[in-house]
Structure formats: structure tokens, C-alpha cells
Amino acid sequence: MKTLQAGDKAPQFSLLNQNDETVSLSDFAGKKVLIYFYPKAMTPGCTVQAQGLRDVNDALLAKNVVVLGISPDPVKRLPKFIEKENLNFTLLSDEDHAVADMFGVWGPKKFMGKEYDGIHRLTFLIDESGTVEHVFNKFKTKDHHTVVLDYLNS
């Protein structure tokens, strides 16, 4: 697992969103894009993380930052998560984890003594020119949105 670092060019990708529409990174040229990878919709940690981003989305938009959440969930699961949590940003389905592989966030994990491959909870801030500006890799899910805003305000 080789994770992208600040200064790396972000890989171009296209995935289906919650409305079964294709969304590409190139759609957001001229904007900053906050790409956060999360393991599974409607689980406790992922819900808290999404709620935090929902609550600060206006502040992010004011800083020209668009939020994209990416998980291996199937497209049909995403609208339920958006509706249940009143999310105000785009979720993308990466069922074959191809994009997670490109960003270096798919790999071995341990949970309750069991080893398996899955999404590592990392967030990438992509600048207006498509370069990784910052990688957020040290945060608690409940503080994720604060860590992002603190960085943007610094």
C-alpha cells in the first residue's frame, strides 16, 4: 500500500454517485476537492465523520472546497445514507476499490484480532491544479471536520 503524499499529482478517476451519475475529479477543475475515504455507510464511525462534514460544508464551500466521500459501498446504499443523515455533499461508490488503490488507501487492516483488506480512513485535499496539497491521516472521526477546517484556516 503506497499512499499518495502532499505534492503528488492526484490520479484522475470517474465513479458513480448516489444518483447513479458519473462524477470525475476533472469536473472540479479550479476548485479544491476534499476526498475522504470511509469504510462503510451507516456505521457509527462513518456516520459521525459524515455528520461533521455536513455541519461544516458551508464553511468549506466558502473556501472553494468541494467534499467527495468515497467508499466501497454499492451505489444503491449511498442515497439511504444521504437521506438518513441529511448529507449535503456527494458520495461515490468504489465497489472494486480501484480508486482506493490509486490513492493507496486499500490494504491490510486488523479488527478484533481478524486481518482483512479494506479502506484505511484517510482524507486528501486536492488543490485547484490537481495536486495533493495535504493528507489528513491523524484524526478521530468525531474531530475530522475540525482538523480539516483548522488546516484550511491556518
C-alpha atoms as a PDB file:
ATOM      1  CA  MET A   1       0.000   0.000   0.000  1.00  0.00           C
ATOM      2  CA  LYS A   2       1.743   3.180  -1.218  1.00  0.00           C
ATOM      3  CA  THR A   3      -0.323   6.153  -0.058  1.00  0.00           C
ATOM      4  CA  LEU A   4      -0.250   9.393  -2.043  1.00  0.00           C
ATOM      5  CA  GLN A   5       1.625  12.211  -0.332  1.00  0.00           C
ATOM      6  CA  ALA A   6       1.472  16.009  -0.486  1.00  0.00           C
ATOM      7  CA  GLY A   7       2.984  17.126  -3.792  1.00  0.00           C
ATOM      8  CA  ASP A   8       1.837  14.032  -5.712  1.00  0.00           C
ATOM      9  CA  LYS A   9      -0.431  14.510  -8.710  1.00  0.00           C
ATOM     10  CA  ALA A  10      -3.933  13.215  -7.847  1.00  0.00           C
ATOM     11  CA  PRO A  11      -4.978  10.345 -10.126  1.00  0.00           C
ATOM     12  CA  GLN A  12      -7.876  11.100 -12.458  1.00  0.00           C
ATOM     13  CA  PHE A  13     -10.930   8.952 -11.807  1.00  0.00           C
ATOM     14  CA  SER A  14     -14.628   8.638 -12.532  1.00  0.00           C
ATOM     15  CA  LEU A  15     -17.111   6.910 -10.202  1.00  0.00           C
ATOM     16  CA  LEU A  16     -20.882   6.685  -9.851  1.00  0.00           C
ATOM     17  CA  ASN A  17     -22.517   8.918  -7.246  1.00  0.00           C
ATOM     18  CA  GLN A  18     -25.620   8.385  -5.109  1.00  0.00           C
ATOM     19  CA  ASN A  19     -27.819   9.279  -8.130  1.00  0.00           C
ATOM     20  CA  ASP A  20     -26.099   6.722 -10.382  1.00  0.00           C
ATOM     21  CA  GLU A  21     -24.408   9.580 -12.299  1.00  0.00           C
ATOM     22  CA  THR A  22     -20.744   9.598 -13.301  1.00  0.00           C
ATOM     23  CA  VAL A  23     -18.607  12.075 -11.365  1.00  0.00           C
ATOM     24  CA  SER A  24     -14.983  12.718 -12.342  1.00  0.00           C
ATOM     25  CA  LEU A  25     -12.256  14.513 -10.436  1.00  0.00           C
ATOM     26  CA  SER A  26     -11.778  16.685 -13.540  1.00  0.00           C
ATOM     27  CA  ASP A  27     -15.347  18.025 -13.042  1.00  0.00           C
ATOM     28  CA  PHE A  28     -13.949  20.159 -10.214  1.00  0.00           C
ATOM     29  CA  ALA A  29     -11.075  21.910 -12.027  1.00  0.00           C
ATOM     30  CA  GLY A  30     -10.443  25.293 -10.401  1.00  0.00           C
ATOM     31  CA  LYS A  31     -11.756  24.123  -7.026  1.00  0.00           C
ATOM     32  CA  LYS A  32     -10.129  22.383  -4.101  1.00  0.00           C
ATOM     33  CA  VAL A  33     -11.513  18.887  -3.541  1.00  0.00           C
ATOM     34  CA  LEU A  34     -11.593  17.178  -0.156  1.00  0.00           C
ATOM     35  CA  ILE A  35     -11.665  13.451  -0.890  1.00  0.00           C
ATOM     36  CA  TYR A  36     -12.337  11.389   2.179  1.00  0.00           C
ATOM     37  CA  PHE A  37     -12.281   7.608   2.122  1.00  0.00           C
ATOM     38  CA  TYR A  38     -14.537   5.822   4.585  1.00  0.00           C
ATOM     39  CA  PRO A  39     -15.120   2.082   5.110  1.00  0.00           C
ATOM     40  CA  LYS A  40     -18.913   1.699   5.140  1.00  0.00           C
ATOM     41  CA  ALA A  41     -22.010   3.898   5.066  1.00  0.00           C
ATOM     42  CA  MET A  42     -24.302   3.921   8.103  1.00  0.00           C
ATOM     43  CA  THR A  43     -21.734   2.527  10.532  1.00  0.00           C
ATOM     44  CA  PRO A  44     -21.067   4.501  13.736  1.00  0.00           C
ATOM     45  CA  GLY A  45     -17.641   5.995  12.894  1.00  0.00           C
ATOM     46  CA  CYS A  46     -18.519   6.743   9.280  1.00  0.00           C
ATOM     47  CA  THR A  47     -21.789   8.373  10.328  1.00  0.00           C
ATOM     48  CA  VAL A  48     -20.100  10.688  12.855  1.00  0.00           C
ATOM     49  CA  GLN A  49     -17.450  11.631  10.282  1.00  0.00           C
ATOM     50  CA  ALA A  50     -20.079  12.395   7.613  1.00  0.00           C
ATOM     51  CA  GLN A  51     -22.219  14.411  10.050  1.00  0.00           C
ATOM     52  CA  GLY A  52     -19.212  16.576  10.935  1.00  0.00           C
ATOM     53  CA  LEU A  53     -18.500  17.324   7.278  1.00  0.00           C
ATOM     54  CA  ARG A  54     -22.196  18.003   6.687  1.00  0.00           C
ATOM     55  CA  ASP A  55     -22.198  20.541   9.522  1.00  0.00           C
ATOM     56  CA  VAL A  56     -19.199  22.484   8.155  1.00  0.00           C
ATOM     57  CA  ASN A  57     -19.927  22.089   4.439  1.00  0.00           C
ATOM     58  CA  ASP A  58     -20.995  25.737   4.039  1.00  0.00           C
ATOM     59  CA  ALA A  59     -17.676  26.871   5.555  1.00  0.00           C
ATOM     60  CA  LEU A  60     -15.817  24.510   3.201  1.00  0.00           C
ATOM     61  CA  LEU A  61     -17.737  25.761   0.163  1.00  0.00           C
ATOM     62  CA  ALA A  62     -16.909  29.344   1.211  1.00  0.00           C
ATOM     63  CA  LYS A  63     -13.224  28.327   0.941  1.00  0.00           C
ATOM     64  CA  ASN A  64     -13.803  26.860  -2.580  1.00  0.00           C
ATOM     65  CA  VAL A  65     -13.604  23.279  -1.221  1.00  0.00           C
ATOM     66  CA  VAL A  66     -15.917  20.536  -2.545  1.00  0.00           C
ATOM     67  CA  VAL A  67     -16.360  17.352  -0.467  1.00  0.00           C
ATOM     68  CA  LEU A  68     -16.398  13.886  -2.057  1.00  0.00           C
ATOM     69  CA  GLY A  69     -16.865  10.817   0.146  1.00  0.00           C
ATOM     70  CA  ILE A  70     -15.634   7.527  -1.356  1.00  0.00           C
ATOM     71  CA  SER A  71     -16.403   4.046  -0.037  1.00  0.00           C
ATOM     72  CA  PRO A  72     -16.678   0.512  -1.406  1.00  0.00           C
ATOM     73  CA  ASP A  73     -20.451   0.661  -0.796  1.00  0.00           C
ATOM     74  CA  PRO A  74     -22.698  -0.157  -3.760  1.00  0.00           C
ATOM     75  CA  VAL A  75     -24.440   2.847  -5.380  1.00  0.00           C
ATOM     76  CA  LYS A  76     -27.845   1.732  -4.034  1.00  0.00           C
ATOM     77  CA  ARG A  77     -26.649   2.128  -0.421  1.00  0.00           C
ATOM     78  CA  LEU A  78     -25.489   5.749  -0.844  1.00  0.00           C
ATOM     79  CA  PRO A  79     -28.872   7.544  -1.194  1.00  0.00           C
ATOM     80  CA  LYS A  80     -30.053   5.864   2.016  1.00  0.00           C
ATOM     81  CA  PHE A  81     -27.024   7.233   3.901  1.00  0.00           C
ATOM     82  CA  ILE A  82     -27.519  10.715   2.429  1.00  0.00           C
ATOM     83  CA  GLU A  83     -31.227  10.751   3.265  1.00  0.00           C
ATOM     84  CA  LYS A  84     -30.837   9.287   6.771  1.00  0.00           C
ATOM     85  CA  GLU A  85     -28.080  11.755   7.754  1.00  0.00           C
ATOM     86  CA  ASN A  86     -29.259  14.708   5.617  1.00  0.00           C
ATOM     87  CA  LEU A  87     -25.840  14.875   3.930  1.00  0.00           C
ATOM     88  CA  ASN A  88     -25.154  17.858   1.686  1.00  0.00           C
ATOM     89  CA  PHE A  89     -22.205  16.562  -0.349  1.00  0.00           C
ATOM     90  CA  THR A  90     -21.524  13.878  -2.938  1.00  0.00           C
ATOM     91  CA  LEU A  91     -20.847  10.231  -2.100  1.00  0.00           C
ATOM     92  CA  LEU A  92     -19.142   7.961  -4.635  1.00  0.00           C
ATOM     93  CA  SER A  93     -19.181   4.188  -4.991  1.00  0.00           C
ATOM     94  CA  ASP A  94     -15.809   2.456  -5.424  1.00  0.00           C
ATOM     95  CA  GLU A  95     -17.022  -1.159  -5.174  1.00  0.00           C
ATOM     96  CA  ASP A  96     -13.923  -2.665  -6.802  1.00  0.00           C
ATOM     97  CA  HIS A  97     -11.727  -0.296  -4.726  1.00  0.00           C
ATOM     98  CA  ALA A  98      -9.825   0.772  -7.880  1.00  0.00           C
ATOM     99  CA  VAL A  99      -9.739   4.430  -6.800  1.00  0.00           C
ATOM    100  CA  ALA A 100      -8.838   3.470  -3.231  1.00  0.00           C
ATOM    101  CA  ASP A 101      -5.924   1.517  -4.728  1.00  0.00           C
ATOM    102  CA  MET A 102      -4.827   4.565  -6.786  1.00  0.00           C
ATOM    103  CA  PHE A 103      -4.754   6.726  -3.639  1.00  0.00           C
ATOM    104  CA  GLY A 104      -3.073   3.966  -1.616  1.00  0.00           C
ATOM    105  CA  VAL A 105      -5.816   3.604   0.993  1.00  0.00           C
ATOM    106  CA  TRP A 106      -6.793  -0.038   0.350  1.00  0.00           C
ATOM    107  CA  GLY A 107      -4.797  -2.602   2.269  1.00  0.00           C
ATOM    108  CA  PRO A 108      -4.455  -4.924   5.250  1.00  0.00           C
ATOM    109  CA  LYS A 109      -6.358  -3.998   8.411  1.00  0.00           C
ATOM    110  CA  LYS A 110      -6.922  -5.627  11.781  1.00  0.00           C
ATOM    111  CA  PHE A 111     -10.153  -5.616  13.719  1.00  0.00           C
ATOM    112  CA  MET A 112     -10.837  -7.713  16.798  1.00  0.00           C
ATOM    113  CA  GLY A 113      -7.921  -9.992  16.001  1.00  0.00           C
ATOM    114  CA  LYS A 114      -9.073 -10.603  12.431  1.00  0.00           C
ATOM    115  CA  GLU A 115      -6.988  -9.484   9.443  1.00  0.00           C
ATOM    116  CA  TYR A 116      -8.624  -8.427   6.193  1.00  0.00           C
ATOM    117  CA  ASP A 117      -8.202  -5.940   3.347  1.00  0.00           C
ATOM    118  CA  GLY A 118     -10.211  -2.751   3.496  1.00  0.00           C
ATOM    119  CA  ILE A 119     -10.290   1.040   3.331  1.00  0.00           C
ATOM    120  CA  HIS A 120      -7.919   2.998   5.511  1.00  0.00           C
ATOM    121  CA  ARG A 121      -9.672   6.141   6.725  1.00  0.00           C
ATOM    122  CA  LEU A 122      -7.613   8.885   5.057  1.00  0.00           C
ATOM    123  CA  THR A 123      -8.542  12.256   3.581  1.00  0.00           C
ATOM    124  CA  PHE A 124      -6.822  14.102   0.752  1.00  0.00           C
ATOM    125  CA  LEU A 125      -7.066  17.795  -0.025  1.00  0.00           C
ATOM    126  CA  ILE A 126      -6.518  18.241  -3.762  1.00  0.00           C
ATOM    127  CA  ASP A 127      -5.629  21.765  -4.863  1.00  0.00           C
ATOM    128  CA  GLU A 128      -7.044  23.675  -7.837  1.00  0.00           C
ATOM    129  CA  SER A 129      -4.374  22.276 -10.161  1.00  0.00           C
ATOM    130  CA  GLY A 130      -4.999  18.618  -9.218  1.00  0.00           C
ATOM    131  CA  THR A 131      -2.068  18.151  -6.837  1.00  0.00           C
ATOM    132  CA  VAL A 132      -2.357  16.634  -3.366  1.00  0.00           C
ATOM    133  CA  GLU A 133      -1.982  19.641  -1.070  1.00  0.00           C
ATOM    134  CA  HIS A 134      -2.405  17.821   2.249  1.00  0.00           C
ATOM    135  CA  VAL A 135      -3.095  14.329   3.587  1.00  0.00           C
ATOM    136  CA  PHE A 136      -5.157  14.065   6.777  1.00  0.00           C
ATOM    137  CA  ASN A 137      -4.160  10.823   8.468  1.00  0.00           C
ATOM    138  CA  LYS A 138      -4.255  11.600  12.195  1.00  0.00           C
ATOM    139  CA  PHE A 139      -7.754  12.331  13.477  1.00  0.00           C
ATOM    140  CA  LYS A 140     -10.651  10.850  15.399  1.00  0.00           C
ATOM    141  CA  THR A 141     -13.804  10.519  13.302  1.00  0.00           C
ATOM    142  CA  LYS A 142     -15.691  12.931  15.578  1.00  0.00           C
ATOM    143  CA  ASP A 143     -12.948  15.578  15.125  1.00  0.00           C
ATOM    144  CA  HIS A 144     -12.263  15.056  11.410  1.00  0.00           C
ATOM    145  CA  HIS A 145     -14.168  18.148  10.244  1.00  0.00           C
ATOM    146  CA  THR A 146     -12.412  20.332  12.850  1.00  0.00           C
ATOM    147  CA  VAL A 147      -8.966  19.092  11.791  1.00  0.00           C
ATOM    148  CA  VAL A 148      -9.817  19.912   8.151  1.00  0.00           C
ATOM    149  CA  LEU A 149     -11.139  23.395   8.977  1.00  0.00           C
ATOM    150  CA  ASP A 150      -8.185  24.153  11.252  1.00  0.00           C
ATOM    151  CA  TYR A 151      -5.824  23.299   8.384  1.00  0.00           C
ATOM    152  CA  LEU A 152      -7.773  25.447   5.898  1.00  0.00           C
ATOM    153  CA  ASN A 153      -7.852  28.374   8.335  1.00  0.00           C
ATOM    154  CA  SER A 154      -4.129  28.195   9.158  1.00  0.00           C
END
